[in-house]
Amino acid sequence: MEKAVYLLGVLICLLTAVLLLRGFSRTGKRLLLWCGVCFAGLTLSNVLVFLDLVIVPEEDLYIWRLITAAISMACMLYGLIWESE
């Protein structure tokens, strides 16, 4: 059951990233770009969660998960500060 929850988190983040980046390509609003980049990074972070806890539980990917999530949130923060109208 936990595998399904982790995969669902990956799919939801991926879908959100695709929708945000598609919205950016249609409208050209840069805030959508930064939000899409953030969710693409969060998708990668969720993939690392799945790998860490399900596929290779003997390896510790905790630091890599935190780094990808922090960089992703920094992209969102940058977009919110500098690109908001």
PDB file of N, CA and C in Angstrom:
ATOM      1  N   MET A   1       0.818  -1.192   0.000  1.00  0.00           N
ATOM      2  CA  MET A   1       0.000   0.000   0.000  1.00  0.00           C
ATOM      3  C   MET A   1       0.867   1.264   0.000  1.00  0.00           C
ATOM      4  N   GLU A   2       1.978   1.223   0.738  1.00  0.00           N
ATOM      5  CA  GLU A   2       2.829   2.407   0.790  1.00  0.00           C
ATOM      6  C   GLU A   2       3.473   2.687  -0.563  1.00  0.00           C
ATOM      7  N   LYS A   3       3.737   1.638  -1.344  1.00  0.00           N
ATOM      8  CA  LYS A   3       4.288   1.833  -2.684  1.00  0.00           C
ATOM      9  C   LYS A   3       3.332   2.646  -3.547  1.00  0.00           C
ATOM     10  N   ALA A   4       2.061   2.333  -3.432  1.00  0.00           N
ATOM     11  CA  ALA A   4       1.056   3.054  -4.218  1.00  0.00           C
ATOM     12  C   ALA A   4       0.981   4.522  -3.811  1.00  0.00           C
ATOM     13  N   VAL A   5       1.111   4.797  -2.535  1.00  0.00           N
ATOM     14  CA  VAL A   5       1.065   6.184  -2.055  1.00  0.00           C
ATOM     15  C   VAL A   5       2.270   6.966  -2.564  1.00  0.00           C
ATOM     16  N   TYR A   6       3.454   6.353  -2.525  1.00  0.00           N
ATOM     17  CA  TYR A   6       4.650   7.026  -3.025  1.00  0.00           C
ATOM     18  C   TYR A   6       4.547   7.287  -4.525  1.00  0.00           C
ATOM     19  N   LEU A   7       4.070   6.305  -5.265  1.00  0.00           N
ATOM     20  CA  LEU A   7       3.922   6.482  -6.711  1.00  0.00           C
ATOM     21  C   LEU A   7       2.843   7.503  -7.041  1.00  0.00           C
ATOM     22  N   LEU A   8       1.787   7.537  -6.248  1.00  0.00           N
ATOM     23  CA  LEU A   8       0.746   8.542  -6.463  1.00  0.00           C
ATOM     24  C   LEU A   8       1.288   9.949  -6.228  1.00  0.00           C
ATOM     25  N   GLY A   9       2.147  10.101  -5.234  1.00  0.00           N
ATOM     26  CA  GLY A   9       2.784  11.397  -4.989  1.00  0.00           C
ATOM     27  C   GLY A   9       3.648  11.822  -6.166  1.00  0.00           C
ATOM     28  N   VAL A  10       4.378  10.882  -6.748  1.00  0.00           N
ATOM     29  CA  VAL A  10       5.196  11.177  -7.927  1.00  0.00           C
ATOM     30  C   VAL A  10       4.308  11.609  -9.087  1.00  0.00           C
ATOM     31  N   LEU A  11       3.242  10.863  -9.327  1.00  0.00           N
ATOM     32  CA  LEU A  11       2.365  11.169 -10.460  1.00  0.00           C
ATOM     33  C   LEU A  11       1.656  12.507 -10.302  1.00  0.00           C
ATOM     34  N   ILE A  12       1.224  12.830  -9.099  1.00  0.00           N
ATOM     35  CA  ILE A  12       0.537  14.105  -8.864  1.00  0.00           C
ATOM     36  C   ILE A  12       1.493  15.271  -9.066  1.00  0.00           C
ATOM     37  N   CYS A  13       2.714  15.162  -8.542  1.00  0.00           N
ATOM     38  CA  CYS A  13       3.695  16.236  -8.745  1.00  0.00           C
ATOM     39  C   CYS A  13       4.059  16.373 -10.217  1.00  0.00           C
ATOM     40  N   LEU A  14       4.203  15.263 -10.907  1.00  0.00           N
ATOM     41  CA  LEU A  14       4.531  15.305 -12.332  1.00  0.00           C
ATOM     42  C   LEU A  14       3.401  15.951 -13.130  1.00  0.00           C
ATOM     43  N   LEU A  15       2.168  15.574 -12.840  1.00  0.00           N
ATOM     44  CA  LEU A  15       1.025  16.170 -13.531  1.00  0.00           C
ATOM     45  C   LEU A  15       0.942  17.665 -13.272  1.00  0.00           C
ATOM     46  N   THR A  16       1.172  18.070 -12.036  1.00  0.00           N
ATOM     47  CA  THR A  16       1.149  19.494 -11.702  1.00  0.00           C
ATOM     48  C   THR A  16       2.245  20.248 -12.446  1.00  0.00           C
ATOM     49  N   ALA A  17       3.447  19.672 -12.505  1.00  0.00           N
ATOM     50  CA  ALA A  17       4.550  20.313 -13.230  1.00  0.00           C
ATOM     51  C   ALA A  17       4.226  20.454 -14.708  1.00  0.00           C
ATOM     52  N   VAL A  18       3.665  19.414 -15.306  1.00  0.00           N
ATOM     53  CA  VAL A  18       3.314  19.462 -16.724  1.00  0.00           C
ATOM     54  C   VAL A  18       2.262  20.535 -16.977  1.00  0.00           C
ATOM     55  N   LEU A  19       1.249  20.591 -16.142  1.00  0.00           N
ATOM     56  CA  LEU A  19       0.192  21.591 -16.330  1.00  0.00           C
ATOM     57  C   LEU A  19       0.716  23.013 -16.156  1.00  0.00           C
ATOM     58  N   LEU A  20       1.573  23.223 -15.178  1.00  0.00           N
ATOM     59  CA  LEU A  20       2.138  24.562 -14.968  1.00  0.00           C
ATOM     60  C   LEU A  20       3.042  24.973 -16.128  1.00  0.00           C
ATOM     61  N   LEU A  21       3.877  24.066 -16.601  1.00  0.00           N
ATOM     62  CA  LEU A  21       4.774  24.392 -17.703  1.00  0.00           C
ATOM     63  C   LEU A  21       3.999  24.574 -19.011  1.00  0.00           C
ATOM     64  N   ARG A  22       2.917  23.825 -19.179  1.00  0.00           N
ATOM     65  CA  ARG A  22       2.066  24.025 -20.352  1.00  0.00           C
ATOM     66  C   ARG A  22       1.376  25.385 -20.287  1.00  0.00           C
ATOM     67  N   GLY A  23       0.952  25.774 -19.095  1.00  0.00           N
ATOM     68  CA  GLY A  23       0.374  27.102 -18.923  1.00  0.00           C
ATOM     69  C   GLY A  23       1.376  28.200 -19.217  1.00  0.00           C
ATOM     70  N   PHE A  24       2.641  27.977 -18.826  1.00  0.00           N
ATOM     71  CA  PHE A  24       3.685  28.952 -19.137  1.00  0.00           C
ATOM     72  C   PHE A  24       3.890  29.063 -20.641  1.00  0.00           C
ATOM     73  N   SER A  25       3.888  27.930 -21.335  1.00  0.00           N
ATOM     74  CA  SER A  25       4.121  27.979 -22.779  1.00  0.00           C
ATOM     75  C   SER A  25       2.987  28.689 -23.513  1.00  0.00           C
ATOM     76  N   ARG A  26       1.796  28.657 -22.959  1.00  0.00           N
ATOM     77  CA  ARG A  26       0.653  29.331 -23.589  1.00  0.00           C
ATOM     78  C   ARG A  26       0.587  30.811 -23.258  1.00  0.00           C
ATOM     79  N   THR A  27       0.890  31.162 -22.007  1.00  0.00           N
ATOM     80  CA  THR A  27       0.700  32.554 -21.588  1.00  0.00           C
ATOM     81  C   THR A  27       1.996  33.344 -21.516  1.00  0.00           C
ATOM     82  N   GLY A  28       3.117  32.687 -21.268  1.00  0.00           N
ATOM     83  CA  GLY A  28       4.386  33.378 -21.139  1.00  0.00           C
ATOM     84  C   GLY A  28       4.605  34.020 -19.779  1.00  0.00           C
ATOM     85  N   LYS A  29       3.743  33.743 -18.809  1.00  0.00           N
ATOM     86  CA  LYS A  29       3.918  34.296 -17.458  1.00  0.00           C
ATOM     87  C   LYS A  29       5.022  33.521 -16.743  1.00  0.00           C
ATOM     88  N   ARG A  30       6.042  34.264 -16.338  1.00  0.00           N
ATOM     89  CA  ARG A  30       7.228  33.627 -15.775  1.00  0.00           C
ATOM     90  C   ARG A  30       6.984  32.988 -14.414  1.00  0.00           C
ATOM     91  N   LEU A  31       5.977  33.434 -13.678  1.00  0.00           N
ATOM     92  CA  LEU A  31       5.672  32.806 -12.392  1.00  0.00           C
ATOM     93  C   LEU A  31       5.261  31.346 -12.599  1.00  0.00           C
ATOM     94  N   LEU A  32       4.548  31.063 -13.687  1.00  0.00           N
ATOM     95  CA  LEU A  32       4.187  29.680 -13.999  1.00  0.00           C
ATOM     96  C   LEU A  32       5.426  28.842 -14.290  1.00  0.00           C
ATOM     97  N   LEU A  33       6.423  29.448 -14.909  1.00  0.00           N
ATOM     98  CA  LEU A  33       7.670  28.732 -15.173  1.00  0.00           C
ATOM     99  C   LEU A  33       8.332  28.314 -13.871  1.00  0.00           C
ATOM    100  N   TRP A  34       8.470  29.256 -12.946  1.00  0.00           N
ATOM    101  CA  TRP A  34       9.159  28.936 -11.693  1.00  0.00           C
ATOM    102  C   TRP A  34       8.377  27.924 -10.866  1.00  0.00           C
ATOM    103  N   CYS A  35       7.069  28.014 -10.887  1.00  0.00           N
ATOM    104  CA  CYS A  35       6.258  27.026 -10.166  1.00  0.00           C
ATOM    105  C   CYS A  35       6.379  25.652 -10.825  1.00  0.00           C
ATOM    106  N   GLY A  36       6.420  25.630 -12.158  1.00  0.00           N
ATOM    107  CA  GLY A  36       6.599  24.365 -12.864  1.00  0.00           C
ATOM    108  C   GLY A  36       7.949  23.734 -12.584  1.00  0.00           C
ATOM    109  N   VAL A  37       8.987  24.555 -12.537  1.00  0.00           N
ATOM    110  CA  VAL A  37      10.323  24.051 -12.197  1.00  0.00           C
ATOM    111  C   VAL A  37      10.322  23.498 -10.769  1.00  0.00           C
ATOM    112  N   CYS A  38       9.642  24.188  -9.872  1.00  0.00           N
ATOM    113  CA  CYS A  38       9.551  23.721  -8.485  1.00  0.00           C
ATOM    114  C   CYS A  38       8.895  22.347  -8.425  1.00  0.00           C
ATOM    115  N   PHE A  39       7.785  22.182  -9.113  1.00  0.00           N
ATOM    116  CA  PHE A  39       7.094  20.896  -9.059  1.00  0.00           C
ATOM    117  C   PHE A  39       7.846  19.801  -9.805  1.00  0.00           C
ATOM    118  N   ALA A  40       8.627  20.162 -10.812  1.00  0.00           N
ATOM    119  CA  ALA A  40       9.481  19.167 -11.462  1.00  0.00           C
ATOM    120  C   ALA A  40      10.542  18.679 -10.472  1.00  0.00           C
ATOM    121  N   GLY A  41      11.100  19.598  -9.700  1.00  0.00           N
ATOM    122  CA  GLY A  41      12.062  19.206  -8.672  1.00  0.00           C
ATOM    123  C   GLY A  41      11.423  18.392  -7.559  1.00  0.00           C
ATOM    124  N   LEU A  42      10.207  18.747  -7.188  1.00  0.00           N
ATOM    125  CA  LEU A  42       9.508  17.963  -6.165  1.00  0.00           C
ATOM    126  C   LEU A  42       9.163  16.569  -6.677  1.00  0.00           C
ATOM    127  N   THR A  43       8.937  16.456  -7.992  1.00  0.00           N
ATOM    128  CA  THR A  43       8.737  15.131  -8.584  1.00  0.00           C
ATOM    129  C   THR A  43      10.001  14.300  -8.415  1.00  0.00           C
ATOM    130  N   LEU A  44      11.141  14.904  -8.704  1.00  0.00           N
ATOM    131  CA  LEU A  44      12.416  14.212  -8.507  1.00  0.00           C
ATOM    132  C   LEU A  44      12.616  13.827  -7.043  1.00  0.00           C
ATOM    133  N   SER A  45      12.250  14.709  -6.143  1.00  0.00           N
ATOM    134  CA  SER A  45      12.359  14.416  -4.719  1.00  0.00           C
ATOM    135  C   SER A  45      11.466  13.237  -4.333  1.00  0.00           C
ATOM    136  N   ASN A  46      10.267  13.187  -4.883  1.00  0.00           N
ATOM    137  CA  ASN A  46       9.369  12.066  -4.595  1.00  0.00           C
ATOM    138  C   ASN A  46       9.873  10.761  -5.200  1.00  0.00           C
ATOM    139  N   VAL A  47      10.515  10.838  -6.357  1.00  0.00           N
ATOM    140  CA  VAL A  47      11.136   9.644  -6.931  1.00  0.00           C
ATOM    141  C   VAL A  47      12.242   9.142  -6.000  1.00  0.00           C
ATOM    142  N   LEU A  48      13.002  10.071  -5.446  1.00  0.00           N
ATOM    143  CA  LEU A  48      14.052   9.676  -4.495  1.00  0.00           C
ATOM    144  C   LEU A  48      13.469   9.066  -3.226  1.00  0.00           C
ATOM    145  N   VAL A  49      12.321   9.554  -2.789  1.00  0.00           N
ATOM    146  CA  VAL A  49      11.649   8.940  -1.633  1.00  0.00           C
ATOM    147  C   VAL A  49      11.292   7.492  -1.953  1.00  0.00           C
ATOM    148  N   PHE A  50      10.713   7.284  -3.138  1.00  0.00           N
ATOM    149  CA  PHE A  50      10.346   5.927  -3.549  1.00  0.00           C
ATOM    150  C   PHE A  50      11.577   5.027  -3.624  1.00  0.00           C
ATOM    151  N   LEU A  51      12.640   5.543  -4.235  1.00  0.00           N
ATOM    152  CA  LEU A  51      13.866   4.751  -4.330  1.00  0.00           C
ATOM    153  C   LEU A  51      14.443   4.450  -2.952  1.00  0.00           C
ATOM    154  N   ASP A  52      14.440   5.455  -2.092  1.00  0.00           N
ATOM    155  CA  ASP A  52      15.042   5.320  -0.772  1.00  0.00           C
ATOM    156  C   ASP A  52      14.280   4.335   0.107  1.00  0.00           C
ATOM    157  N   LEU A  53      12.967   4.414   0.102  1.00  0.00           N
ATOM    158  CA  LEU A  53      12.190   3.618   1.051  1.00  0.00           C
ATOM    159  C   LEU A  53      11.687   2.289   0.494  1.00  0.00           C
ATOM    160  N   VAL A  54      11.604   2.157  -0.830  1.00  0.00           N
ATOM    161  CA  VAL A  54      11.034   0.934  -1.397  1.00  0.00           C
ATOM    162  C   VAL A  54      12.071   0.127  -2.173  1.00  0.00           C
ATOM    163  N   ILE A  55      12.765   0.754  -3.104  1.00  0.00           N
ATOM    164  CA  ILE A  55      13.648   0.016  -4.003  1.00  0.00           C
ATOM    165  C   ILE A  55      14.965  -0.363  -3.327  1.00  0.00           C
ATOM    166  N   VAL A  56      15.655   0.618  -2.747  1.00  0.00           N
ATOM    167  CA  VAL A  56      16.948   0.345  -2.094  1.00  0.00           C
ATOM    168  C   VAL A  56      16.919   0.856  -0.650  1.00  0.00           C
ATOM    169  N   PRO A  57      16.223   0.156   0.241  1.00  0.00           N
ATOM    170  CA  PRO A  57      16.137   0.636   1.626  1.00  0.00           C
ATOM    171  C   PRO A  57      17.467   0.576   2.381  1.00  0.00           C
ATOM    172  N   GLU A  58      18.429  -0.184   1.865  1.00  0.00           N
ATOM    173  CA  GLU A  58      19.720  -0.254   2.555  1.00  0.00           C
ATOM    174  C   GLU A  58      20.576   0.980   2.308  1.00  0.00           C
ATOM    175  N   GLU A  59      20.272   1.756   1.270  1.00  0.00           N
ATOM    176  CA  GLU A  59      20.981   3.008   0.994  1.00  0.00           C
ATOM    177  C   GLU A  59      20.233   4.169   1.635  1.00  0.00           C
ATOM    178  N   ASP A  60      20.981   5.172   2.084  1.00  0.00           N
ATOM    179  CA  ASP A  60      20.371   6.341   2.701  1.00  0.00           C
ATOM    180  C   ASP A  60      20.429   7.522   1.723  1.00  0.00           C
ATOM    181  N   LEU A  61      19.272   7.873   1.177  1.00  0.00           N
ATOM    182  CA  LEU A  61      19.174   8.984   0.230  1.00  0.00           C
ATOM    183  C   LEU A  61      18.527  10.213   0.867  1.00  0.00           C
ATOM    184  N   TYR A  62      18.496  10.250   2.170  1.00  0.00           N
ATOM    185  CA  TYR A  62      17.805  11.324   2.885  1.00  0.00           C
ATOM    186  C   TYR A  62      18.366  12.701   2.539  1.00  0.00           C
ATOM    187  N   ILE A  63      19.672  12.837   2.514  1.00  0.00           N
ATOM    188  CA  ILE A  63      20.298  14.132   2.213  1.00  0.00           C
ATOM    189  C   ILE A  63      19.958  14.566   0.792  1.00  0.00           C
ATOM    190  N   TRP A  64      20.010  13.635  -0.162  1.00  0.00           N
ATOM    191  CA  TRP A  64      19.693  13.971  -1.556  1.00  0.00           C
ATOM    192  C   TRP A  64      18.236  14.384  -1.705  1.00  0.00           C
ATOM    193  N   ARG A  65      17.360  13.719  -0.957  1.00  0.00           N
ATOM    194  CA  ARG A  65      15.941  14.103  -0.982  1.00  0.00           C
ATOM    195  C   ARG A  65      15.766  15.521  -0.467  1.00  0.00           C
ATOM    196  N   LEU A  66      16.435  15.851   0.629  1.00  0.00           N
ATOM    197  CA  LEU A  66      16.336  17.189   1.196  1.00  0.00           C
ATOM    198  C   LEU A  66      16.923  18.249   0.270  1.00  0.00           C
ATOM    199  N   ILE A  67      18.035  17.943  -0.362  1.00  0.00           N
ATOM    200  CA  ILE A  67      18.678  18.901  -1.266  1.00  0.00           C
ATOM    201  C   ILE A  67      17.773  19.211  -2.451  1.00  0.00           C
ATOM    202  N   THR A  68      17.202  18.180  -3.060  1.00  0.00           N
ATOM    203  CA  THR A  68      16.328  18.425  -4.217  1.00  0.00           C
ATOM    204  C   THR A  68      15.075  19.188  -3.814  1.00  0.00           C
ATOM    205  N   ALA A  69      14.515  18.873  -2.669  1.00  0.00           N
ATOM    206  CA  ALA A  69      13.323  19.598  -2.215  1.00  0.00           C
ATOM    207  C   ALA A  69      13.666  21.057  -1.882  1.00  0.00           C
ATOM    208  N   ALA A  70      14.823  21.296  -1.280  1.00  0.00           N
ATOM    209  CA  ALA A  70      15.220  22.665  -0.930  1.00  0.00           C
ATOM    210  C   ALA A  70      15.482  23.502  -2.179  1.00  0.00           C
ATOM    211  N   ILE A  71      16.156  22.936  -3.172  1.00  0.00           N
ATOM    212  CA  ILE A  71      16.398  23.659  -4.416  1.00  0.00           C
ATOM    213  C   ILE A  71      15.086  23.956  -5.124  1.00  0.00           C
ATOM    214  N   SER A  72      14.179  23.003  -5.097  1.00  0.00           N
ATOM    215  CA  SER A  72      12.868  23.206  -5.723  1.00  0.00           C
ATOM    216  C   SER A  72      12.099  24.335  -5.051  1.00  0.00           C
ATOM    217  N   MET A  73      12.100  24.333  -3.737  1.00  0.00           N
ATOM    218  CA  MET A  73      11.380  25.388  -3.025  1.00  0.00           C
ATOM    219  C   MET A  73      12.055  26.742  -3.197  1.00  0.00           C
ATOM    220  N   ALA A  74      13.378  26.740  -3.357  1.00  0.00           N
ATOM    221  CA  ALA A  74      14.083  27.997  -3.622  1.00  0.00           C
ATOM    222  C   ALA A  74      13.677  28.571  -4.973  1.00  0.00           C
ATOM    223  N   CYS A  75      13.459  27.709  -5.957  1.00  0.00           N
ATOM    224  CA  CYS A  75      12.968  28.177  -7.267  1.00  0.00           C
ATOM    225  C   CYS A  75      11.582  28.799  -7.124  1.00  0.00           C
ATOM    226  N   MET A  76      10.731  28.167  -6.364  1.00  0.00           N
ATOM    227  CA  MET A  76       9.384  28.714  -6.138  1.00  0.00           C
ATOM    228  C   MET A  76       9.475  30.056  -5.419  1.00  0.00           C
ATOM    229  N   LEU A  77      10.318  30.136  -4.420  1.00  0.00           N
ATOM    230  CA  LEU A  77      10.476  31.372  -3.662  1.00  0.00           C
ATOM    231  C   LEU A  77      11.014  32.495  -4.550  1.00  0.00           C
ATOM    232  N   TYR A  78      11.978  32.170  -5.393  1.00  0.00           N
ATOM    233  CA  TYR A  78      12.510  33.158  -6.326  1.00  0.00           C
ATOM    234  C   TYR A  78      11.391  33.682  -7.232  1.00  0.00           C
ATOM    235  N   GLY A  79      10.615  32.764  -7.766  1.00  0.00           N
ATOM    236  CA  GLY A  79       9.515  33.181  -8.632  1.00  0.00           C
ATOM    237  C   GLY A  79       8.487  34.023  -7.905  1.00  0.00           C
ATOM    238  N   LEU A  80       8.181  33.686  -6.694  1.00  0.00           N
ATOM    239  CA  LEU A  80       7.194  34.463  -5.933  1.00  0.00           C
ATOM    240  C   LEU A  80       7.692  35.852  -5.593  1.00  0.00           C
ATOM    241  N   ILE A  81       8.985  35.980  -5.335  1.00  0.00           N
ATOM    242  CA  ILE A  81       9.542  37.288  -4.954  1.00  0.00           C
ATOM    243  C   ILE A  81       9.766  38.177  -6.165  1.00  0.00           C
ATOM    244  N   TRP A  82      10.418  37.647  -7.200  1.00  0.00           N
ATOM    245  CA  TRP A  82      10.879  38.479  -8.302  1.00  0.00           C
ATOM    246  C   TRP A  82       9.935  38.534  -9.496  1.00  0.00           C
ATOM    247  N   GLU A  83       9.051  37.550  -9.645  1.00  0.00           N
ATOM    248  CA  GLU A  83       8.224  37.500 -10.841  1.00  0.00           C
ATOM    249  C   GLU A  83       6.749  37.818 -10.584  1.00  0.00           C
ATOM    250  N   SER A  84       6.374  38.098  -9.373  1.00  0.00           N
ATOM    251  CA  SER A  84       4.967  38.400  -9.112  1.00  0.00           C
ATOM    252  C   SER A  84       4.640  39.813  -9.611  1.00  0.00           C
ATOM    253  N   GLU A  85       3.402  39.985  -9.986  1.00  0.00           N
ATOM    254  CA  GLU A  85       3.002  41.284 -10.555  1.00  0.00           C
ATOM    255  C   GLU A  85       2.261  42.115  -9.535  1.00  0.00           C
TER     256      GLU A  85
END
